Amino acid sequence: MPLLGLLGGLVVAGLAGCGRDTASAETGATPSVERVMVVGASTIAPLLSEMAKEYEKTHPDIRIEVQAGGSSRGIMDVRQGVAKLGMVSRGLKPDEQDLQHILIARDGVGLILHKTNPVTRLSKDQVVGIYTGKIKNWKQLGGQDLPITVVSKAEGRSTLEIFSNYFGVPYKEISAHVIIGDNQQGIQTVAGSPAAIGYVSIGSAEYESQQDAAIRLVQMDDQIPTTAAVASGQYAISRELNLIFKPPLSDRVRDFVAFTQSEAAAGLVTKQYFVPVARP
């Protein structure tokens, strides 16, 4: 994913068009601009930022602010009315059915190593061993004689929850040396350490590796972590990327939500290395 400075960043569109300004000058009225806060998963935030920028080009009466902070924060802020829309990088749980959601894309969670690490494949048991502290050195896995630096996500992050559920390792049993928040931090940490291992959004990892980040996704058993594998349904650790809200929504916000389902938005999904959702 691109480095967008999303924590606290703003996504602001251009000013209103000349025709609207002229009308306002004639009537003496000030154009009404609705400001909309979108908060949640760092995986989705870059995509929503691009969608917001594209939408605002033709809708000068709305300004959309996108802030990362994790899926749990997105749910909390929408419930409390702090944010109008939330971003959740997983399916909603039974106790979250008070919220409505729109599926905007699909993604997967993959393991990343430094690109110089000679290990090309890991088993599920080996990953569990690494993250529970039972496997401590890469030479135990056919790699170099280097102590493994375990990078994991902070509590409350959907990526951590998906990782924990798939590998059967509760959060409190993970033996991590580095705790990170968003995907970008995880990628930067692993890129800066030849002995590190982490898990991040596949879309984020593919994008950053194309930008020459010193990382690579690693195969686990027969699971090859690519967006193509997610799209085909062959990758097991896949997930939904959802936009959540509590009705009622204003006409402007409802129209933006509809835009996230459009062909134009699907093009942005692909550019961000996520998997578009098939529409009827």
C-alpha atoms as a PDB file:
ATOM      1  CA  MET A   1       0.000   0.000   0.000  1.00  0.00           C
ATOM      2  CA  PRO A   2       1.210   3.534  -0.619  1.00  0.00           C
ATOM      3  CA  LEU A   3       2.625   5.540   2.263  1.00  0.00           C
ATOM      4  CA  LEU A   4      -0.253   7.977   2.735  1.00  0.00           C
ATOM      5  CA  GLY A   5       0.322   9.210   6.275  1.00  0.00           C
ATOM      6  CA  LEU A   6      -3.132   8.017   7.223  1.00  0.00           C
ATOM      7  CA  LEU A   7      -2.927   8.361  11.002  1.00  0.00           C
ATOM      8  CA  GLY A   8      -4.721  11.646  11.473  1.00  0.00           C
ATOM      9  CA  GLY A   9      -4.390  12.467   7.772  1.00  0.00           C
ATOM     10  CA  LEU A  10      -7.031  14.219   5.743  1.00  0.00           C
ATOM     11  CA  VAL A  11      -8.423  13.410   2.344  1.00  0.00           C
ATOM     12  CA  VAL A  12      -9.763  16.679   1.032  1.00  0.00           C
ATOM     13  CA  ALA A  13     -11.257  17.358  -2.354  1.00  0.00           C
ATOM     14  CA  GLY A  14     -11.004  20.468  -4.497  1.00  0.00           C
ATOM     15  CA  LEU A  15     -13.199  23.477  -3.995  1.00  0.00           C
ATOM     16  CA  ALA A  16     -16.645  23.808  -5.507  1.00  0.00           C
ATOM     17  CA  GLY A  17     -16.954  24.419  -9.254  1.00  0.00           C
ATOM     18  CA  CYS A  18     -17.322  27.839 -10.815  1.00  0.00           C
ATOM     19  CA  GLY A  19     -21.037  27.452 -11.546  1.00  0.00           C
ATOM     20  CA  ARG A  20     -21.828  26.726  -7.900  1.00  0.00           C
ATOM     21  CA  ASP A  21     -19.630  29.620  -6.727  1.00  0.00           C
ATOM     22  CA  THR A  22     -21.437  31.993  -9.104  1.00  0.00           C
ATOM     23  CA  ALA A  23     -24.812  30.880  -7.833  1.00  0.00           C
ATOM     24  CA  SER A  24     -23.675  31.336  -4.250  1.00  0.00           C
ATOM     25  CA  ALA A  25     -22.367  34.825  -5.004  1.00  0.00           C
ATOM     26  CA  GLU A  26     -25.679  35.813  -6.564  1.00  0.00           C
ATOM     27  CA  THR A  27     -27.773  34.555  -3.650  1.00  0.00           C
ATOM     28  CA  GLY A  28     -25.310  35.457  -0.907  1.00  0.00           C
ATOM     29  CA  ALA A  29     -25.525  31.894   0.418  1.00  0.00           C
ATOM     30  CA  THR A  30     -22.543  29.839   1.541  1.00  0.00           C
ATOM     31  CA  PRO A  31     -22.370  26.369  -0.051  1.00  0.00           C
ATOM     32  CA  SER A  32     -23.030  23.642   2.509  1.00  0.00           C
ATOM     33  CA  VAL A  33     -20.187  21.135   2.811  1.00  0.00           C
ATOM     34  CA  GLU A  34     -20.790  17.918   4.735  1.00  0.00           C
ATOM     35  CA  ARG A  35     -17.766  16.531   6.543  1.00  0.00           C
ATOM     36  CA  VAL A  36     -17.659  12.776   7.001  1.00  0.00           C
ATOM     37  CA  MET A  37     -15.329  10.858   9.295  1.00  0.00           C
ATOM     38  CA  VAL A  38     -14.282   7.323   8.275  1.00  0.00           C
ATOM     39  CA  VAL A  39     -12.273   5.373  10.883  1.00  0.00           C
ATOM     40  CA  GLY A  40     -10.948   1.837  11.209  1.00  0.00           C
ATOM     41  CA  ALA A  41      -8.769  -0.825   9.623  1.00  0.00           C
ATOM     42  CA  SER A  42      -5.375   0.316   8.387  1.00  0.00           C
ATOM     43  CA  THR A  43      -5.609  -2.262   5.604  1.00  0.00           C
ATOM     44  CA  ILE A  44      -8.642  -0.511   4.105  1.00  0.00           C
ATOM     45  CA  ALA A  45      -7.671   3.095   4.841  1.00  0.00           C
ATOM     46  CA  PRO A  46      -5.471   3.664   1.754  1.00  0.00           C
ATOM     47  CA  LEU A  47      -8.208   2.270  -0.492  1.00  0.00           C
ATOM     48  CA  LEU A  48     -10.923   4.425   1.119  1.00  0.00           C
ATOM     49  CA  SER A  49      -8.682   7.467   0.800  1.00  0.00           C
ATOM     50  CA  GLU A  50      -8.377   6.903  -2.939  1.00  0.00           C
ATOM     51  CA  MET A  51     -12.115   6.320  -3.266  1.00  0.00           C
ATOM     52  CA  ALA A  52     -12.823   9.511  -1.316  1.00  0.00           C
ATOM     53  CA  LYS A  53     -10.478  11.574  -3.493  1.00  0.00           C
ATOM     54  CA  GLU A  54     -12.045  10.240  -6.674  1.00  0.00           C
ATOM     55  CA  TYR A  55     -15.590  10.831  -5.409  1.00  0.00           C
ATOM     56  CA  GLU A  56     -14.875  14.366  -4.221  1.00  0.00           C
ATOM     57  CA  LYS A  57     -13.702  15.371  -7.701  1.00  0.00           C
ATOM     58  CA  THR A  58     -17.334  15.492  -8.814  1.00  0.00           C
ATOM     59  CA  HIS A  59     -18.973  16.099  -5.425  1.00  0.00           C
ATOM     60  CA  PRO A  60     -17.626  19.358  -3.935  1.00  0.00           C
ATOM     61  CA  ASP A  61     -20.332  19.378  -1.257  1.00  0.00           C
ATOM     62  CA  ILE A  62     -18.697  16.607   0.781  1.00  0.00           C
ATOM     63  CA  ARG A  63     -15.295  16.210   2.449  1.00  0.00           C
ATOM     64  CA  ILE A  64     -14.237  12.803   3.668  1.00  0.00           C
ATOM     65  CA  GLU A  65     -11.607  12.335   6.355  1.00  0.00           C
ATOM     66  CA  VAL A  66     -10.064   8.858   6.592  1.00  0.00           C
ATOM     67  CA  GLN A  67      -8.234   7.759   9.733  1.00  0.00           C
ATOM     68  CA  ALA A  68      -6.601   4.388  10.448  1.00  0.00           C
ATOM     69  CA  GLY A  69      -6.761   2.912  13.921  1.00  0.00           C
ATOM     70  CA  GLY A  70      -7.866  -0.704  13.640  1.00  0.00           C
ATOM     71  CA  SER A  71     -11.166  -2.483  13.025  1.00  0.00           C
ATOM     72  CA  SER A  72     -12.119  -2.412  16.709  1.00  0.00           C
ATOM     73  CA  ARG A  73     -11.824   1.355  16.771  1.00  0.00           C
ATOM     74  CA  GLY A  74     -13.917   1.604  13.617  1.00  0.00           C
ATOM     75  CA  ILE A  75     -16.715  -0.382  15.230  1.00  0.00           C
ATOM     76  CA  MET A  76     -16.519   1.588  18.478  1.00  0.00           C
ATOM     77  CA  ASP A  77     -16.484   4.994  16.782  1.00  0.00           C
ATOM     78  CA  VAL A  78     -19.455   4.188  14.551  1.00  0.00           C
ATOM     79  CA  ARG A  79     -21.445   2.872  17.508  1.00  0.00           C
ATOM     80  CA  GLN A  80     -20.663   6.004  19.520  1.00  0.00           C
ATOM     81  CA  GLY A  81     -21.417   8.332  16.629  1.00  0.00           C
ATOM     82  CA  VAL A  82     -17.848   9.643  16.470  1.00  0.00           C
ATOM     83  CA  ALA A  83     -17.504   8.374  12.893  1.00  0.00           C
ATOM     84  CA  LYS A  84     -20.220   8.096  10.272  1.00  0.00           C
ATOM     85  CA  LEU A  85     -18.505   5.170   8.510  1.00  0.00           C
ATOM     86  CA  GLY A  86     -16.128   2.496   9.773  1.00  0.00           C
ATOM     87  CA  MET A  87     -13.631   0.159   8.101  1.00  0.00           C
ATOM     88  CA  VAL A  88     -13.473  -3.465   9.250  1.00  0.00           C
ATOM     89  CA  SER A  89     -11.072  -5.940   7.639  1.00  0.00           C
ATOM     90  CA  ARG A  90     -13.032  -9.087   8.531  1.00  0.00           C
ATOM     91  CA  GLY A  91     -16.596 -10.333   8.591  1.00  0.00           C
ATOM     92  CA  LEU A  92     -18.902  -8.969  11.268  1.00  0.00           C
ATOM     93  CA  LYS A  93     -19.474 -11.047  14.392  1.00  0.00           C
ATOM     94  CA  PRO A  94     -22.912 -12.055  15.744  1.00  0.00           C
ATOM     95  CA  ASP A  95     -22.732  -9.354  18.434  1.00  0.00           C
ATOM     96  CA  GLU A  96     -22.045  -6.704  15.764  1.00  0.00           C
ATOM     97  CA  GLN A  97     -25.296  -7.158  13.887  1.00  0.00           C
ATOM     98  CA  ASP A  98     -26.514  -3.758  15.078  1.00  0.00           C
ATOM     99  CA  LEU A  99     -24.268  -2.412  12.314  1.00  0.00           C
ATOM    100  CA  GLN A 100     -24.879  -2.578   8.591  1.00  0.00           C
ATOM    101  CA  HIS A 101     -22.012  -3.375   6.249  1.00  0.00           C
ATOM    102  CA  ILE A 102     -21.031  -3.188   2.599  1.00  0.00           C
ATOM    103  CA  LEU A 103     -18.409  -5.555   1.190  1.00  0.00           C
ATOM    104  CA  ILE A 104     -16.004  -3.439  -0.866  1.00  0.00           C
ATOM    105  CA  ALA A 105     -13.125  -5.891  -1.537  1.00  0.00           C
ATOM    106  CA  ARG A 106     -11.395  -9.096  -0.466  1.00  0.00           C
ATOM    107  CA  ASP A 107      -7.864  -9.623   0.800  1.00  0.00           C
ATOM    108  CA  GLY A 108      -5.687 -12.265   2.412  1.00  0.00           C
ATOM    109  CA  VAL A 109      -3.212 -12.401   5.292  1.00  0.00           C
ATOM    110  CA  GLY A 110       0.259 -13.637   4.400  1.00  0.00           C
ATOM    111  CA  LEU A 111       3.586 -14.247   6.107  1.00  0.00           C
ATOM    112  CA  ILE A 112       6.491 -12.046   5.062  1.00  0.00           C
ATOM    113  CA  LEU A 113      10.258 -12.497   5.420  1.00  0.00           C
ATOM    114  CA  HIS A 114      13.213 -10.331   4.513  1.00  0.00           C
ATOM    115  CA  LYS A 115      14.001 -10.856   0.843  1.00  0.00           C
ATOM    116  CA  THR A 116      17.486 -12.206   1.695  1.00  0.00           C
ATOM    117  CA  ASN A 117      16.106 -14.953   3.939  1.00  0.00           C
ATOM    118  CA  PRO A 118      16.806 -18.286   2.163  1.00  0.00           C
ATOM    119  CA  VAL A 119      13.784 -20.052   3.703  1.00  0.00           C
ATOM    120  CA  THR A 120      11.230 -20.505   0.907  1.00  0.00           C
ATOM    121  CA  ARG A 121       8.452 -22.416   2.640  1.00  0.00           C
ATOM    122  CA  LEU A 122       7.053 -22.924   6.123  1.00  0.00           C
ATOM    123  CA  SER A 123       4.578 -25.423   7.526  1.00  0.00           C
ATOM    124  CA  LYS A 124       1.666 -24.458   9.724  1.00  0.00           C
ATOM    125  CA  ASP A 125       3.312 -26.216  12.678  1.00  0.00           C
ATOM    126  CA  GLN A 126       6.546 -24.312  12.082  1.00  0.00           C
ATOM    127  CA  VAL A 127       4.703 -20.982  12.106  1.00  0.00           C
ATOM    128  CA  VAL A 128       3.031 -21.950  15.389  1.00  0.00           C
ATOM    129  CA  GLY A 129       6.436 -22.920  16.765  1.00  0.00           C
ATOM    130  CA  ILE A 130       7.917 -19.557  15.765  1.00  0.00           C
ATOM    131  CA  TYR A 131       5.097 -17.519  17.254  1.00  0.00           C
ATOM    132  CA  THR A 132       4.984 -19.470  20.517  1.00  0.00           C
ATOM    133  CA  GLY A 133       8.749 -19.250  21.066  1.00  0.00           C
ATOM    134  CA  LYS A 134       9.484 -22.952  20.516  1.00  0.00           C
ATOM    135  CA  ILE A 135      11.479 -22.291  17.342  1.00  0.00           C
ATOM    136  CA  LYS A 136      13.975 -19.534  18.016  1.00  0.00           C
ATOM    137  CA  ASN A 137      16.619 -19.671  15.267  1.00  0.00           C
ATOM    138  CA  TRP A 138      16.367 -19.754  11.483  1.00  0.00           C
ATOM    139  CA  LYS A 139      18.926 -22.580  11.311  1.00  0.00           C
ATOM    140  CA  GLN A 140      16.237 -24.847  12.814  1.00  0.00           C
ATOM    141  CA  LEU A 141      14.310 -24.252   9.579  1.00  0.00           C
ATOM    142  CA  GLY A 142      17.199 -24.600   7.145  1.00  0.00           C
ATOM    143  CA  GLY A 143      18.109 -20.926   7.209  1.00  0.00           C
ATOM    144  CA  GLN A 144      21.018 -18.925   8.529  1.00  0.00           C
ATOM    145  CA  ASP A 145      22.236 -19.065  12.120  1.00  0.00           C
ATOM    146  CA  LEU A 146      20.201 -16.033  13.210  1.00  0.00           C
ATOM    147  CA  PRO A 147      17.787 -15.642  16.128  1.00  0.00           C
ATOM    148  CA  ILE A 148      14.266 -15.104  14.775  1.00  0.00           C
ATOM    149  CA  THR A 149      12.711 -11.679  15.327  1.00  0.00           C
ATOM    150  CA  VAL A 150       8.972 -12.264  15.715  1.00  0.00           C
ATOM    151  CA  VAL A 151       6.762  -9.384  14.597  1.00  0.00           C
ATOM    152  CA  SER A 152       3.088  -9.437  15.552  1.00  0.00           C
ATOM    153  CA  LYS A 153       0.073  -7.137  15.492  1.00  0.00           C
ATOM    154  CA  ALA A 154      -1.323  -5.157  18.400  1.00  0.00           C
ATOM    155  CA  GLU A 155      -4.420  -6.405  20.200  1.00  0.00           C
ATOM    156  CA  GLY A 156      -7.643  -5.220  18.576  1.00  0.00           C
ATOM    157  CA  ARG A 157      -6.325  -5.547  15.011  1.00  0.00           C
ATOM    158  CA  SER A 158      -8.358  -7.771  12.681  1.00  0.00           C
ATOM    159  CA  THR A 159      -5.195  -9.113  11.046  1.00  0.00           C
ATOM    160  CA  LEU A 160      -4.097 -10.471  14.441  1.00  0.00           C
ATOM    161  CA  GLU A 161      -7.518 -12.005  15.032  1.00  0.00           C
ATOM    162  CA  ILE A 162      -7.493 -13.778  11.655  1.00  0.00           C
ATOM    163  CA  PHE A 163      -3.916 -14.980  12.214  1.00  0.00           C
ATOM    164  CA  SER A 164      -4.726 -16.265  15.704  1.00  0.00           C
ATOM    165  CA  ASN A 165      -7.872 -18.068  14.574  1.00  0.00           C
ATOM    166  CA  TYR A 166      -6.188 -19.773  11.622  1.00  0.00           C
ATOM    167  CA  PHE A 167      -3.098 -20.920  13.522  1.00  0.00           C
ATOM    168  CA  GLY A 168      -4.896 -21.603  16.799  1.00  0.00           C
ATOM    169  CA  VAL A 169      -2.585 -19.359  18.805  1.00  0.00           C
ATOM    170  CA  PRO A 170      -4.349 -17.038  21.270  1.00  0.00           C
ATOM    171  CA  TYR A 171      -3.028 -13.492  21.539  1.00  0.00           C
ATOM    172  CA  LYS A 172      -1.600 -14.063  25.023  1.00  0.00           C
ATOM    173  CA  GLU A 173       0.406 -17.085  23.832  1.00  0.00           C
ATOM    174  CA  ILE A 174       2.169 -15.200  21.039  1.00  0.00           C
ATOM    175  CA  SER A 175       5.806 -14.590  21.927  1.00  0.00           C
ATOM    176  CA  ALA A 176       6.586 -11.433  19.939  1.00  0.00           C
ATOM    177  CA  HIS A 177       9.681  -9.259  19.982  1.00  0.00           C
ATOM    178  CA  VAL A 178       8.037  -6.388  18.091  1.00  0.00           C
ATOM    179  CA  ILE A 179       4.382  -5.315  18.286  1.00  0.00           C
ATOM    180  CA  ILE A 180       3.165  -3.214  15.376  1.00  0.00           C
ATOM    181  CA  GLY A 181      -0.055  -1.444  14.450  1.00  0.00           C
ATOM    182  CA  ASP A 182      -0.635  -1.116  10.726  1.00  0.00           C
ATOM    183  CA  ASN A 183       0.625  -3.116   7.745  1.00  0.00           C
ATOM    184  CA  GLN A 184       3.125  -0.442   6.810  1.00  0.00           C
ATOM    185  CA  GLN A 185       4.870  -0.725  10.177  1.00  0.00           C
ATOM    186  CA  GLY A 186       5.055  -4.498   9.784  1.00  0.00           C
ATOM    187  CA  ILE A 187       6.518  -4.245   6.292  1.00  0.00           C
ATOM    188  CA  GLN A 188       9.071  -1.640   7.354  1.00  0.00           C
ATOM    189  CA  THR A 189      10.094  -3.724  10.376  1.00  0.00           C
ATOM    190  CA  VAL A 190      10.670  -6.898   8.367  1.00  0.00           C
ATOM    191  CA  ALA A 191      12.368  -4.976   5.545  1.00  0.00           C
ATOM    192  CA  GLY A 192      14.816  -3.603   8.105  1.00  0.00           C
ATOM    193  CA  SER A 193      15.725  -6.942   9.685  1.00  0.00           C
ATOM    194  CA  PRO A 194      17.036 -10.024   7.806  1.00  0.00           C
ATOM    195  CA  ALA A 195      15.974 -12.198  10.764  1.00  0.00           C
ATOM    196  CA  ALA A 196      12.368 -10.962  11.039  1.00  0.00           C
ATOM    197  CA  ILE A 197       9.052 -12.615  10.234  1.00  0.00           C
ATOM    198  CA  GLY A 198       5.662 -10.930  10.214  1.00  0.00           C
ATOM    199  CA  TYR A 199       2.143 -11.256   8.830  1.00  0.00           C
ATOM    200  CA  VAL A 200       0.340  -8.530   6.896  1.00  0.00           C
ATOM    201  CA  SER A 201      -2.230  -7.871   4.200  1.00  0.00           C
ATOM    202  CA  ILE A 202      -1.269  -9.721   1.020  1.00  0.00           C
ATOM    203  CA  GLY A 203      -2.341  -6.714  -1.035  1.00  0.00           C
ATOM    204  CA  SER A 204      -0.104  -4.414   1.010  1.00  0.00           C
ATOM    205  CA  ALA A 205       2.854  -6.811   0.746  1.00  0.00           C
ATOM    206  CA  GLU A 206       2.470  -7.263  -3.014  1.00  0.00           C
ATOM    207  CA  TYR A 207       2.277  -3.532  -3.576  1.00  0.00           C
ATOM    208  CA  GLU A 208       5.308  -2.741  -1.419  1.00  0.00           C
ATOM    209  CA  SER A 209       7.413  -5.527  -2.916  1.00  0.00           C
ATOM    210  CA  GLN A 210       6.656  -4.013  -6.335  1.00  0.00           C
ATOM    211  CA  GLN A 211       8.011  -0.739  -4.917  1.00  0.00           C
ATOM    212  CA  ASP A 212      11.279  -2.527  -4.042  1.00  0.00           C
ATOM    213  CA  ALA A 213      10.631  -3.036  -0.337  1.00  0.00           C
ATOM    214  CA  ALA A 214      13.086  -5.668   0.972  1.00  0.00           C
ATOM    215  CA  ILE A 215      10.398  -8.244   1.733  1.00  0.00           C
ATOM    216  CA  ARG A 216       8.749 -11.238   0.126  1.00  0.00           C
ATOM    217  CA  LEU A 217       5.679 -13.303   0.860  1.00  0.00           C
ATOM    218  CA  VAL A 218       6.474 -16.888   1.847  1.00  0.00           C
ATOM    219  CA  GLN A 219       4.510 -20.025   1.014  1.00  0.00           C
ATOM    220  CA  MET A 220       2.952 -21.953   3.905  1.00  0.00           C
ATOM    221  CA  ASP A 221       2.305 -25.646   3.209  1.00  0.00           C
ATOM    222  CA  ASP A 222       0.348 -25.582  -0.080  1.00  0.00           C
ATOM    223  CA  GLN A 223      -0.921 -22.033   0.479  1.00  0.00           C
ATOM    224  CA  ILE A 224       0.676 -19.566  -1.951  1.00  0.00           C
ATOM    225  CA  PRO A 225      -0.077 -16.010  -0.760  1.00  0.00           C
ATOM    226  CA  THR A 226      -1.120 -13.986  -3.823  1.00  0.00           C
ATOM    227  CA  THR A 227      -4.095 -11.819  -4.670  1.00  0.00           C
ATOM    228  CA  ALA A 228      -4.738 -14.207  -7.567  1.00  0.00           C
ATOM    229  CA  ALA A 229      -5.087 -17.096  -5.091  1.00  0.00           C
ATOM    230  CA  VAL A 230      -7.470 -15.008  -2.972  1.00  0.00           C
ATOM    231  CA  ALA A 231      -9.538 -14.158  -6.062  1.00  0.00           C
ATOM    232  CA  SER A 232      -9.787 -17.818  -7.107  1.00  0.00           C
ATOM    233  CA  GLY A 233     -10.836 -18.928  -3.623  1.00  0.00           C
ATOM    234  CA  GLN A 234      -7.777 -21.170  -3.282  1.00  0.00           C
ATOM    235  CA  TYR A 235      -6.171 -19.244  -0.431  1.00  0.00           C
ATOM    236  CA  ALA A 236      -7.356 -20.227   3.044  1.00  0.00           C
ATOM    237  CA  ILE A 237      -6.448 -17.113   5.049  1.00  0.00           C
ATOM    238  CA  SER A 238      -8.688 -14.705   3.156  1.00  0.00           C
ATOM    239  CA  ARG A 239     -10.992 -12.047   4.539  1.00  0.00           C
ATOM    240  CA  GLU A 240     -13.635  -9.487   3.781  1.00  0.00           C
ATOM    241  CA  LEU A 241     -12.931  -5.755   3.648  1.00  0.00           C
ATOM    242  CA  ASN A 242     -16.102  -4.061   4.856  1.00  0.00           C
ATOM    243  CA  LEU A 243     -17.479  -0.563   5.188  1.00  0.00           C
ATOM    244  CA  ILE A 244     -19.811  -0.335   8.198  1.00  0.00           C
ATOM    245  CA  PHE A 245     -22.407   2.205   9.341  1.00  0.00           C
ATOM    246  CA  LYS A 246     -25.502   2.768  11.428  1.00  0.00           C
ATOM    247  CA  PRO A 247     -28.514   4.167   9.588  1.00  0.00           C
ATOM    248  CA  PRO A 248     -29.886   6.613   8.864  1.00  0.00           C
ATOM    249  CA  LEU A 249     -27.280   8.102   6.537  1.00  0.00           C
ATOM    250  CA  SER A 250     -27.570  11.460   4.827  1.00  0.00           C
ATOM    251  CA  ASP A 251     -28.206  11.455   1.077  1.00  0.00           C
ATOM    252  CA  ARG A 252     -24.602  12.509   0.428  1.00  0.00           C
ATOM    253  CA  VAL A 253     -23.074   9.753   2.562  1.00  0.00           C
ATOM    254  CA  ARG A 254     -25.454   7.171   1.127  1.00  0.00           C
ATOM    255  CA  ASP A 255     -24.387   8.222  -2.359  1.00  0.00           C
ATOM    256  CA  PHE A 256     -20.708   7.849  -1.441  1.00  0.00           C
ATOM    257  CA  VAL A 257     -21.389   4.368  -0.043  1.00  0.00           C
ATOM    258  CA  ALA A 258     -23.048   3.502  -3.362  1.00  0.00           C
ATOM    259  CA  PHE A 259     -19.958   4.820  -5.177  1.00  0.00           C
ATOM    260  CA  THR A 260     -17.769   2.294  -3.316  1.00  0.00           C
ATOM    261  CA  GLN A 261     -19.761  -0.391  -5.165  1.00  0.00           C
ATOM    262  CA  SER A 262     -19.241   1.131  -8.612  1.00  0.00           C
ATOM    263  CA  GLU A 263     -17.054   0.082 -11.542  1.00  0.00           C
ATOM    264  CA  ALA A 264     -14.885   3.162 -10.957  1.00  0.00           C
ATOM    265  CA  ALA A 265     -14.289   2.060  -7.357  1.00  0.00           C
ATOM    266  CA  ALA A 266     -13.510  -1.505  -8.511  1.00  0.00           C
ATOM    267  CA  GLY A 267     -10.676  -0.082 -10.592  1.00  0.00           C
ATOM    268  CA  LEU A 268      -9.226   1.533  -7.475  1.00  0.00           C
ATOM    269  CA  VAL A 269      -9.533  -1.788  -5.629  1.00  0.00           C
ATOM    270  CA  THR A 270      -7.393  -3.464  -8.277  1.00  0.00           C
ATOM    271  CA  LYS A 271      -4.808  -0.668  -8.234  1.00  0.00           C
ATOM    272  CA  GLN A 272      -4.430  -1.171  -4.485  1.00  0.00           C
ATOM    273  CA  TYR A 273      -3.717  -4.904  -5.037  1.00  0.00           C
ATOM    274  CA  PHE A 274      -6.986  -6.062  -3.495  1.00  0.00           C
ATOM    275  CA  VAL A 275      -9.603  -8.343  -5.055  1.00  0.00           C
ATOM    276  CA  PRO A 276     -12.743  -6.643  -6.424  1.00  0.00           C
ATOM    277  CA  VAL A 277     -16.106  -8.027  -5.420  1.00  0.00           C
ATOM    278  CA  ALA A 278     -18.187  -9.576  -8.196  1.00  0.00           C
ATOM    279  CA  ARG A 279     -21.390  -7.578  -8.661  1.00  0.00           C
ATOM    280  CA  PRO A 280     -24.664  -9.063  -9.940  1.00  0.00           C
END
